[in-house]
Amino acid sequence: MRFGIISDVHANWEAMQAALARLDKEGVDEIVCLGDVVGYGGDPKKCVNEIMRRKIVTIRGNHERYVVGEIDEALKPDTAKSIEWTRGQLKNEEYVAIEEWQNRLRHPGGFLMCHGSPRHKDEYVLTIDAVVGSLRVLQTEFPDTKVALHGHTHMTSLFAPGQVVKPIHKTQEIALDFSKVYLLNPGSVGQPRDRCPLSSYMILDMDKPCATYFREEYDIKGAQARIREVGLAEKFANRLAEGN
């Protein structure tokens, strides 16, 4: 089967529409989401409703956990304001949906879905220790699973024993070898941070097998205008064009 993988939409409706349209065109069998549908951007309700409408299997990111009440004293003021504003945009049905999302999920398609990493929901997979530790958890706790999908860093990457591919700034297919285990990060649909402003997502083909990373243009100016319209921090708008 071929799975469309999206992550870190961050309430960017323009980017989400473009990504889903491309995945529909590609004819994937199913789309899944690795969390952080909300936060930073100007259209949390639209984005959550699209997840609900399409019945996209989704796990919670840290921003969903903040929205439903988890406290993080280390949140920067602009981020805290974004969370508080987002809470006011969502209605009961959206809260019910988010409450049902799990922090980690072994999908029947044969892969593990995480937001941070296989070993911790908030871990950024940016260091050798994080990569090695995450691969170890995948091998010990999920011995029949060859792929862990994760987000959170907003950076495209592929990690496997003896193999590192990052960053990925153009659409690229990478062959997989299921004699190994993989950590795959599709990057961020709605707020890339790998020095490339193009929206990022993936198709995971479990039969071929391969991972195709997509980098696509979308209406950045429209997404920026929406952030400014609702009064969120200017830096959230600016970084969309900068990719950082």
Foldseek 3Di string as FASTA:
>chain_A
DKEWEAEQQAQQPFLVVVSVVVVVVVPGPAYAYQENQHFLFQHSPVSLVVCVVRVHQYAYAVLLVVLLPDDDPPDDPLRNVRSVVVNVVDDPVSNVVSVPHHQKDQDPVQEIRHADACVDNQHPCDDPCRLVVRQVCCCPVPVRHQEYEYENVLAWWKDKVVDIDDGDQAWDKADDDSVIHMYGYQGHSHQAQRQHLFGWIWMADPVVGIIIIHGHDTPLVVRLVSCVVVPRDNVSSVRSVGRD
